[in-house]
């Protein structure tokens, strides 16, 4: 082994150690910075929650290393998961994913996808509201019973409600099932209803405007009831989250 080769080996070892140290510092710094940014975003979201809305909010900033995201002037992807949320005593959970979020709030966000989920607990809470109907979620349907009628008891699930429809009707209760669907333009929910106080086989279709409850540019893309739960998804492209933009609601034709 030559003297030159012996000298090169320690130099190579030092270079490898330096590269490893830089990587450790870079990765460690990215983890710390990402956690700091996530905490700041979470604090901002919690501070802006309206009165009557409370729950646990978790934020995850994904995508490229934070240094590159700072240089680009936008976050690659931000995911906000809210669990155990309560609004007027009604529990729900939501997941919001936003892509290419600019640091300048006046600039639009490239993509927004939000999903809200309700469970049987939410159905029970809705049913307990004054003047509300008794609600249960089924496979592709929402089963409800009108108030002010003699019933055999609130169903624990949509399956129970469907099997007790006949008995409830004979005792004077109005029980019906609703099959929800999204309108072609994503502004409304179309409810196909079967069952009424006078004719259990009567079918009707009602359109409920959802766009007026959403910021302009956000559209409903799906509403899916399953046994024990209901999920709704909204999406939008090039959406501005500035205060002035959020103050403008969508419209229905």
C-alpha atoms as a PDB file:
ATOM      1  CA  UNK A   1       0.000   0.000   0.000  1.00  0.00           C
ATOM      2  CA  UNK A   2       1.483   3.318  -1.096  1.00  0.00           C
ATOM      3  CA  UNK A   3       1.983   6.336   1.143  1.00  0.00           C
ATOM      4  CA  UNK A   4      -0.416   8.427  -0.998  1.00  0.00           C
ATOM      5  CA  UNK A   5      -3.190   5.873  -0.671  1.00  0.00           C
ATOM      6  CA  UNK A   6      -2.757   5.770   3.092  1.00  0.00           C
ATOM      7  CA  UNK A   7      -3.191   9.544   3.239  1.00  0.00           C
ATOM      8  CA  UNK A   8      -6.303   9.495   1.051  1.00  0.00           C
ATOM      9  CA  UNK A   9      -8.154   7.039   3.305  1.00  0.00           C
ATOM     10  CA  UNK A  10      -8.292   9.344   6.385  1.00  0.00           C
ATOM     11  CA  UNK A  11      -9.383  12.224   4.139  1.00  0.00           C
ATOM     12  CA  UNK A  12     -12.175  10.104   2.669  1.00  0.00           C
ATOM     13  CA  UNK A  13     -13.283   9.075   6.152  1.00  0.00           C
ATOM     14  CA  UNK A  14     -13.410  12.712   7.239  1.00  0.00           C
ATOM     15  CA  UNK A  15     -15.487  13.656   4.178  1.00  0.00           C
ATOM     16  CA  UNK A  16     -17.930  10.822   4.819  1.00  0.00           C
ATOM     17  CA  UNK A  17     -18.257  11.900   8.456  1.00  0.00           C
ATOM     18  CA  UNK A  18     -18.876  15.514   7.398  1.00  0.00           C
ATOM     19  CA  UNK A  19     -21.560  14.491   4.893  1.00  0.00           C
ATOM     20  CA  UNK A  20     -23.246  12.328   7.524  1.00  0.00           C
ATOM     21  CA  UNK A  21     -23.136  15.197  10.005  1.00  0.00           C
ATOM     22  CA  UNK A  22     -24.658  17.602   7.473  1.00  0.00           C
ATOM     23  CA  UNK A  23     -27.436  15.120   6.715  1.00  0.00           C
ATOM     24  CA  UNK A  24     -28.196  14.632  10.404  1.00  0.00           C
ATOM     25  CA  UNK A  25     -28.321  18.378  10.976  1.00  0.00           C
ATOM     26  CA  UNK A  26     -30.437  18.924   7.858  1.00  0.00           C
ATOM     27  CA  UNK A  27     -32.914  16.146   8.681  1.00  0.00           C
ATOM     28  CA  UNK A  28     -33.068  17.093  12.347  1.00  0.00           C
ATOM     29  CA  UNK A  29     -33.570  20.741  11.456  1.00  0.00           C
ATOM     30  CA  UNK A  30     -36.308  19.809   8.991  1.00  0.00           C
ATOM     31  CA  UNK A  31     -38.137  17.782  11.633  1.00  0.00           C
ATOM     32  CA  UNK A  32     -37.934  20.603  14.173  1.00  0.00           C
ATOM     33  CA  UNK A  33     -38.960  23.249  11.639  1.00  0.00           C
ATOM     34  CA  UNK A  34     -41.846  21.141  10.350  1.00  0.00           C
ATOM     35  CA  UNK A  35     -43.128  20.556  13.873  1.00  0.00           C
ATOM     36  CA  UNK A  36     -42.895  24.290  14.614  1.00  0.00           C
ATOM     37  CA  UNK A  37     -44.820  25.200  11.450  1.00  0.00           C
ATOM     38  CA  UNK A  38     -47.486  22.569  12.149  1.00  0.00           C
ATOM     39  CA  UNK A  39     -47.940  23.913  15.679  1.00  0.00           C
ATOM     40  CA  UNK A  40     -48.276  27.484  14.394  1.00  0.00           C
ATOM     41  CA  UNK A  41     -50.866  26.473  11.810  1.00  0.00           C
ATOM     42  CA  UNK A  42     -52.819  24.514  14.412  1.00  0.00           C
ATOM     43  CA  UNK A  43     -52.784  27.460  16.804  1.00  0.00           C
ATOM     44  CA  UNK A  44     -54.092  29.740  14.070  1.00  0.00           C
ATOM     45  CA  UNK A  45     -56.900  27.331  13.151  1.00  0.00           C
ATOM     46  CA  UNK A  46     -58.003  26.815  16.759  1.00  0.00           C
ATOM     47  CA  UNK A  47     -57.989  30.570  17.387  1.00  0.00           C
ATOM     48  CA  UNK A  48     -60.330  31.117  14.432  1.00  0.00           C
ATOM     49  CA  UNK A  49     -62.862  28.428  15.303  1.00  0.00           C
ATOM     50  CA  UNK A  50     -66.303  30.026  15.592  1.00  0.00           C
ATOM     51  CA  UNK A  51     -68.254  30.018  18.836  1.00  0.00           C
ATOM     52  CA  UNK A  52     -69.995  26.708  19.466  1.00  0.00           C
ATOM     53  CA  UNK A  53     -67.365  24.690  17.601  1.00  0.00           C
ATOM     54  CA  UNK A  54     -64.722  22.821  19.592  1.00  0.00           C
ATOM     55  CA  UNK A  55     -62.564  19.744  19.271  1.00  0.00           C
ATOM     56  CA  UNK A  56     -59.108  18.316  18.649  1.00  0.00           C
ATOM     57  CA  UNK A  57     -57.225  19.636  15.592  1.00  0.00           C
ATOM     58  CA  UNK A  58     -54.082  18.004  14.201  1.00  0.00           C
ATOM     59  CA  UNK A  59     -51.988  19.437  11.373  1.00  0.00           C
ATOM     60  CA  UNK A  60     -49.507  17.668   9.123  1.00  0.00           C
ATOM     61  CA  UNK A  61     -47.297  19.500   6.613  1.00  0.00           C
ATOM     62  CA  UNK A  62     -46.167  17.060   3.940  1.00  0.00           C
ATOM     63  CA  UNK A  63     -44.133  17.260   0.771  1.00  0.00           C
ATOM     64  CA  UNK A  64     -40.588  18.445   0.136  1.00  0.00           C
ATOM     65  CA  UNK A  65     -38.081  19.469   2.830  1.00  0.00           C
ATOM     66  CA  UNK A  66     -39.162  22.635   4.610  1.00  0.00           C
ATOM     67  CA  UNK A  67     -36.216  24.650   3.299  1.00  0.00           C
ATOM     68  CA  UNK A  68     -37.290  23.993  -0.275  1.00  0.00           C
ATOM     69  CA  UNK A  69     -40.895  24.843   0.566  1.00  0.00           C
ATOM     70  CA  UNK A  70     -39.798  28.148   2.102  1.00  0.00           C
ATOM     71  CA  UNK A  71     -37.802  28.952  -1.018  1.00  0.00           C
ATOM     72  CA  UNK A  72     -40.781  28.116  -3.258  1.00  0.00           C
ATOM     73  CA  UNK A  73     -43.090  30.363  -1.240  1.00  0.00           C
ATOM     74  CA  UNK A  74     -45.749  27.711  -0.635  1.00  0.00           C
ATOM     75  CA  UNK A  75     -46.425  24.531   1.306  1.00  0.00           C
ATOM     76  CA  UNK A  76     -46.638  21.428  -0.867  1.00  0.00           C
ATOM     77  CA  UNK A  77     -49.482  19.889   1.103  1.00  0.00           C
ATOM     78  CA  UNK A  78     -51.192  20.574   4.419  1.00  0.00           C
ATOM     79  CA  UNK A  79     -53.546  18.057   6.023  1.00  0.00           C
ATOM     80  CA  UNK A  80     -55.831  19.094   8.871  1.00  0.00           C
ATOM     81  CA  UNK A  81     -57.580  16.291  10.756  1.00  0.00           C
ATOM     82  CA  UNK A  82     -60.251  17.259  13.276  1.00  0.00           C
ATOM     83  CA  UNK A  83     -61.520  14.545  15.601  1.00  0.00           C
ATOM     84  CA  UNK A  84     -64.065  14.729  18.364  1.00  0.00           C
ATOM     85  CA  UNK A  85     -65.425  17.992  17.009  1.00  0.00           C
ATOM     86  CA  UNK A  86     -68.697  19.302  18.418  1.00  0.00           C
ATOM     87  CA  UNK A  87     -71.017  21.889  16.910  1.00  0.00           C
ATOM     88  CA  UNK A  88     -74.102  22.610  19.000  1.00  0.00           C
ATOM     89  CA  UNK A  89     -73.605  19.237  20.657  1.00  0.00           C
ATOM     90  CA  UNK A  90     -73.459  17.313  17.366  1.00  0.00           C
ATOM     91  CA  UNK A  91     -70.217  15.301  17.017  1.00  0.00           C
ATOM     92  CA  UNK A  92     -68.348  14.943  13.730  1.00  0.00           C
ATOM     93  CA  UNK A  93     -64.859  14.544  12.362  1.00  0.00           C
ATOM     94  CA  UNK A  94     -63.268  16.037   9.281  1.00  0.00           C
ATOM     95  CA  UNK A  95     -60.175  15.764   7.102  1.00  0.00           C
ATOM     96  CA  UNK A  96     -59.072  18.695   4.966  1.00  0.00           C
ATOM     97  CA  UNK A  97     -56.225  18.345   2.448  1.00  0.00           C
ATOM     98  CA  UNK A  98     -54.940  21.463   0.706  1.00  0.00           C
ATOM     99  CA  UNK A  99     -52.227  21.409  -1.971  1.00  0.00           C
ATOM    100  CA  UNK A 100     -49.771  24.133  -3.004  1.00  0.00           C
ATOM    101  CA  UNK A 101     -50.667  26.554  -0.214  1.00  0.00           C
ATOM    102  CA  UNK A 102     -49.027  29.956  -0.850  1.00  0.00           C
ATOM    103  CA  UNK A 103     -47.664  31.943   2.077  1.00  0.00           C
ATOM    104  CA  UNK A 104     -49.489  34.980   0.707  1.00  0.00           C
ATOM    105  CA  UNK A 105     -53.134  34.551   1.831  1.00  0.00           C
ATOM    106  CA  UNK A 106     -54.303  36.698  -1.076  1.00  0.00           C
ATOM    107  CA  UNK A 107     -53.157  34.041  -3.547  1.00  0.00           C
ATOM    108  CA  UNK A 108     -55.395  31.037  -4.322  1.00  0.00           C
ATOM    109  CA  UNK A 109     -54.771  27.512  -3.100  1.00  0.00           C
ATOM    110  CA  UNK A 110     -54.297  25.017  -5.902  1.00  0.00           C
ATOM    111  CA  UNK A 111     -56.526  22.237  -4.574  1.00  0.00           C
ATOM    112  CA  UNK A 112     -58.837  21.696  -1.608  1.00  0.00           C
ATOM    113  CA  UNK A 113     -60.483  18.415  -0.605  1.00  0.00           C
ATOM    114  CA  UNK A 114     -62.496  18.118   2.602  1.00  0.00           C
ATOM    115  CA  UNK A 115     -64.424  15.173   4.014  1.00  0.00           C
ATOM    116  CA  UNK A 116     -66.847  15.412   6.936  1.00  0.00           C
ATOM    117  CA  UNK A 117     -68.055  12.250   8.671  1.00  0.00           C
ATOM    118  CA  UNK A 118     -71.002  11.760  11.014  1.00  0.00           C
ATOM    119  CA  UNK A 119     -71.561   8.674  13.157  1.00  0.00           C
ATOM    120  CA  UNK A 120     -74.549   7.148  14.924  1.00  0.00           C
ATOM    121  CA  UNK A 121     -73.693   9.461  17.839  1.00  0.00           C
ATOM    122  CA  UNK A 122     -74.359  12.411  15.540  1.00  0.00           C
ATOM    123  CA  UNK A 123     -77.633  10.858  14.418  1.00  0.00           C
ATOM    124  CA  UNK A 124     -78.655  10.483  18.059  1.00  0.00           C
ATOM    125  CA  UNK A 125     -77.725  14.100  18.795  1.00  0.00           C
ATOM    126  CA  UNK A 126     -79.668  15.311  15.750  1.00  0.00           C
ATOM    127  CA  UNK A 127     -82.677  13.293  16.839  1.00  0.00           C
ATOM    128  CA  UNK A 128     -82.541  14.912  20.285  1.00  0.00           C
ATOM    129  CA  UNK A 129     -82.890  18.450  18.918  1.00  0.00           C
ATOM    130  CA  UNK A 130     -86.294  20.089  19.552  1.00  0.00           C
ATOM    131  CA  UNK A 131     -88.669  19.378  16.692  1.00  0.00           C
ATOM    132  CA  UNK A 132     -86.128  17.165  14.927  1.00  0.00           C
ATOM    133  CA  UNK A 133     -86.795  13.840  13.286  1.00  0.00           C
ATOM    134  CA  UNK A 134     -85.355  10.554  14.510  1.00  0.00           C
ATOM    135  CA  UNK A 135     -82.443   9.804  12.188  1.00  0.00           C
ATOM    136  CA  UNK A 136     -80.464   6.642  11.440  1.00  0.00           C
ATOM    137  CA  UNK A 137     -77.848   5.938   8.760  1.00  0.00           C
ATOM    138  CA  UNK A 138     -78.189   2.860   6.569  1.00  0.00           C
ATOM    139  CA  UNK A 139     -76.533   1.280   3.538  1.00  0.00           C
ATOM    140  CA  UNK A 140     -77.015   4.013   0.936  1.00  0.00           C
ATOM    141  CA  UNK A 141     -79.999   5.499   2.751  1.00  0.00           C
ATOM    142  CA  UNK A 142     -80.947   7.762   5.626  1.00  0.00           C
ATOM    143  CA  UNK A 143     -83.984   6.580   7.582  1.00  0.00           C
ATOM    144  CA  UNK A 144     -86.001   9.087   9.567  1.00  0.00           C
ATOM    145  CA  UNK A 145     -89.203   9.262  11.583  1.00  0.00           C
ATOM    146  CA  UNK A 146     -91.258  12.435  11.888  1.00  0.00           C
ATOM    147  CA  UNK A 147     -91.842  13.839  15.402  1.00  0.00           C
ATOM    148  CA  UNK A 148     -95.155  14.118  17.185  1.00  0.00           C
ATOM    149  CA  UNK A 149     -96.221  10.549  16.407  1.00  0.00           C
ATOM    150  CA  UNK A 150     -96.708   7.458  18.540  1.00  0.00           C
ATOM    151  CA  UNK A 151     -93.726   5.190  17.957  1.00  0.00           C
ATOM    152  CA  UNK A 152     -92.371   1.929  19.231  1.00  0.00           C
ATOM    153  CA  UNK A 153     -89.041   3.579  20.144  1.00  0.00           C
ATOM    154  CA  UNK A 154     -86.147   5.193  18.305  1.00  0.00           C
ATOM    155  CA  UNK A 155     -84.173   2.767  16.103  1.00  0.00           C
ATOM    156  CA  UNK A 156     -80.594   2.018  17.023  1.00  0.00           C
ATOM    157  CA  UNK A 157     -79.634   1.705  13.366  1.00  0.00           C
ATOM    158  CA  UNK A 158     -81.078   2.162   9.905  1.00  0.00           C
ATOM    159  CA  UNK A 159     -81.594  -1.588   9.607  1.00  0.00           C
ATOM    160  CA  UNK A 160     -83.749  -1.554  12.746  1.00  0.00           C
ATOM    161  CA  UNK A 161     -85.699   1.424  11.448  1.00  0.00           C
ATOM    162  CA  UNK A 162     -86.461  -0.290   8.149  1.00  0.00           C
ATOM    163  CA  UNK A 163     -87.707  -3.454   9.836  1.00  0.00           C
ATOM    164  CA  UNK A 164     -90.026  -1.450  12.114  1.00  0.00           C
ATOM    165  CA  UNK A 165     -91.498   0.787   9.392  1.00  0.00           C
ATOM    166  CA  UNK A 166     -94.752  -1.162   9.134  1.00  0.00           C
ATOM    167  CA  UNK A 167     -95.376  -1.232  12.894  1.00  0.00           C
ATOM    168  CA  UNK A 168     -94.532   2.455  13.213  1.00  0.00           C
ATOM    169  CA  UNK A 169     -96.900   3.388  10.390  1.00  0.00           C
ATOM    170  CA  UNK A 170     -99.823   1.498  11.843  1.00  0.00           C
ATOM    171  CA  UNK A 171     -99.336   3.339  15.123  1.00  0.00           C
ATOM    172  CA  UNK A 172     -99.432   6.703  13.351  1.00  0.00           C
ATOM    173  CA  UNK A 173     -95.713   7.460  12.980  1.00  0.00           C
ATOM    174  CA  UNK A 174     -94.314   8.764   9.696  1.00  0.00           C
ATOM    175  CA  UNK A 175     -91.227   6.760   8.742  1.00  0.00           C
ATOM    176  CA  UNK A 176     -89.369   7.170   5.463  1.00  0.00           C
ATOM    177  CA  UNK A 177     -86.015   6.438   3.861  1.00  0.00           C
ATOM    178  CA  UNK A 178     -83.992   8.922   1.835  1.00  0.00           C
ATOM    179  CA  UNK A 179     -81.413   8.087  -0.821  1.00  0.00           C
ATOM    180  CA  UNK A 180     -79.087  11.096  -1.242  1.00  0.00           C
ATOM    181  CA  UNK A 181     -77.196  11.949  -4.422  1.00  0.00           C
ATOM    182  CA  UNK A 182     -75.125  14.905  -5.600  1.00  0.00           C
ATOM    183  CA  UNK A 183     -76.521  17.129  -8.349  1.00  0.00           C
ATOM    184  CA  UNK A 184     -74.630  17.244 -11.644  1.00  0.00           C
ATOM    185  CA  UNK A 185     -73.213  20.712 -10.889  1.00  0.00           C
ATOM    186  CA  UNK A 186     -72.212  19.825  -7.317  1.00  0.00           C
ATOM    187  CA  UNK A 187     -74.289  22.586  -5.758  1.00  0.00           C
ATOM    188  CA  UNK A 188     -77.119  20.528  -4.263  1.00  0.00           C
ATOM    189  CA  UNK A 189     -78.076  17.235  -2.686  1.00  0.00           C
ATOM    190  CA  UNK A 190     -80.954  15.438  -4.377  1.00  0.00           C
ATOM    191  CA  UNK A 191     -83.002  13.445  -1.872  1.00  0.00           C
ATOM    192  CA  UNK A 192     -85.105  10.619  -3.266  1.00  0.00           C
ATOM    193  CA  UNK A 193     -87.656   9.883  -0.534  1.00  0.00           C
ATOM    194  CA  UNK A 194     -89.772   6.765  -0.153  1.00  0.00           C
ATOM    195  CA  UNK A 195     -92.504   6.526   2.419  1.00  0.00           C
ATOM    196  CA  UNK A 196     -94.892   9.101   3.890  1.00  0.00           C
ATOM    197  CA  UNK A 197     -97.543   9.339   6.593  1.00  0.00           C
ATOM    198  CA  UNK A 198    -100.242   8.541   4.022  1.00  0.00           C
ATOM    199  CA  UNK A 199     -98.566   6.252   1.514  1.00  0.00           C
ATOM    200  CA  UNK A 200     -95.550   4.116   2.404  1.00  0.00           C
ATOM    201  CA  UNK A 201     -94.877   3.498  -1.300  1.00  0.00           C
ATOM    202  CA  UNK A 202     -95.033   7.129  -2.342  1.00  0.00           C
ATOM    203  CA  UNK A 203     -91.743   8.393  -3.803  1.00  0.00           C
ATOM    204  CA  UNK A 204     -90.626  12.005  -4.075  1.00  0.00           C
ATOM    205  CA  UNK A 205     -87.452  13.875  -4.998  1.00  0.00           C
ATOM    206  CA  UNK A 206     -86.295  17.044  -3.263  1.00  0.00           C
ATOM    207  CA  UNK A 207     -83.251  19.192  -4.076  1.00  0.00           C
ATOM    208  CA  UNK A 208     -81.477  20.890  -1.161  1.00  0.00           C
ATOM    209  CA  UNK A 209     -79.010  23.688  -1.947  1.00  0.00           C
ATOM    210  CA  UNK A 210     -75.619  23.077  -0.289  1.00  0.00           C
ATOM    211  CA  UNK A 211     -73.565  25.663  -2.175  1.00  0.00           C
ATOM    212  CA  UNK A 212     -74.976  28.544  -0.127  1.00  0.00           C
ATOM    213  CA  UNK A 213     -73.306  27.060   2.957  1.00  0.00           C
ATOM    214  CA  UNK A 214     -69.915  26.747   1.213  1.00  0.00           C
ATOM    215  CA  UNK A 215     -67.382  29.326   0.004  1.00  0.00           C
ATOM    216  CA  UNK A 216     -67.659  30.134  -3.690  1.00  0.00           C
ATOM    217  CA  UNK A 217     -65.646  27.684  -5.766  1.00  0.00           C
ATOM    218  CA  UNK A 218     -66.197  24.727  -3.420  1.00  0.00           C
ATOM    219  CA  UNK A 219     -68.513  21.997  -4.687  1.00  0.00           C
ATOM    220  CA  UNK A 220     -70.009  18.881  -3.175  1.00  0.00           C
ATOM    221  CA  UNK A 221     -68.621  15.766  -4.876  1.00  0.00           C
ATOM    222  CA  UNK A 222     -70.043  12.908  -2.822  1.00  0.00           C
ATOM    223  CA  UNK A 223     -72.435  12.036  -0.012  1.00  0.00           C
ATOM    224  CA  UNK A 224     -72.302   8.446   1.185  1.00  0.00           C
ATOM    225  CA  UNK A 225     -74.449   6.946   3.937  1.00  0.00           C
ATOM    226  CA  UNK A 226     -73.397   3.569   5.303  1.00  0.00           C
ATOM    227  CA  UNK A 227     -74.658   1.602   8.277  1.00  0.00           C
ATOM    228  CA  UNK A 228     -73.799   3.764  11.264  1.00  0.00           C
ATOM    229  CA  UNK A 229     -72.169   6.679   9.433  1.00  0.00           C
ATOM    230  CA  UNK A 230     -72.510   9.385   6.814  1.00  0.00           C
ATOM    231  CA  UNK A 231     -69.653  11.040   4.913  1.00  0.00           C
ATOM    232  CA  UNK A 232     -69.675  14.085   2.645  1.00  0.00           C
ATOM    233  CA  UNK A 233     -66.812  15.322   0.463  1.00  0.00           C
ATOM    234  CA  UNK A 234     -66.320  18.750  -1.067  1.00  0.00           C
ATOM    235  CA  UNK A 235     -63.586  19.849  -3.457  1.00  0.00           C
ATOM    236  CA  UNK A 236     -62.367  22.986  -5.167  1.00  0.00           C
ATOM    237  CA  UNK A 237     -59.560  24.237  -7.425  1.00  0.00           C
ATOM    238  CA  UNK A 238     -57.807  27.612  -7.218  1.00  0.00           C
ATOM    239  CA  UNK A 239     -59.700  28.581  -4.067  1.00  0.00           C
ATOM    240  CA  UNK A 240     -58.854  31.743  -2.143  1.00  0.00           C
ATOM    241  CA  UNK A 241     -59.000  31.515   1.649  1.00  0.00           C
ATOM    242  CA  UNK A 242     -58.766  35.247   2.272  1.00  0.00           C
ATOM    243  CA  UNK A 243     -61.428  36.676   4.591  1.00  0.00           C
ATOM    244  CA  UNK A 244     -63.118  38.555   1.760  1.00  0.00           C
ATOM    245  CA  UNK A 245     -63.258  35.445  -0.425  1.00  0.00           C
ATOM    246  CA  UNK A 246     -64.581  33.224   2.360  1.00  0.00           C
ATOM    247  CA  UNK A 247     -67.347  35.759   2.993  1.00  0.00           C
ATOM    248  CA  UNK A 248     -68.775  35.027  -0.467  1.00  0.00           C
ATOM    249  CA  UNK A 249     -70.898  31.877  -0.538  1.00  0.00           C
ATOM    250  CA  UNK A 250     -71.744  29.781  -3.557  1.00  0.00           C
ATOM    251  CA  UNK A 251     -75.106  29.820  -5.301  1.00  0.00           C
ATOM    252  CA  UNK A 252     -77.517  27.275  -6.702  1.00  0.00           C
ATOM    253  CA  UNK A 253     -79.200  27.569 -10.130  1.00  0.00           C
END
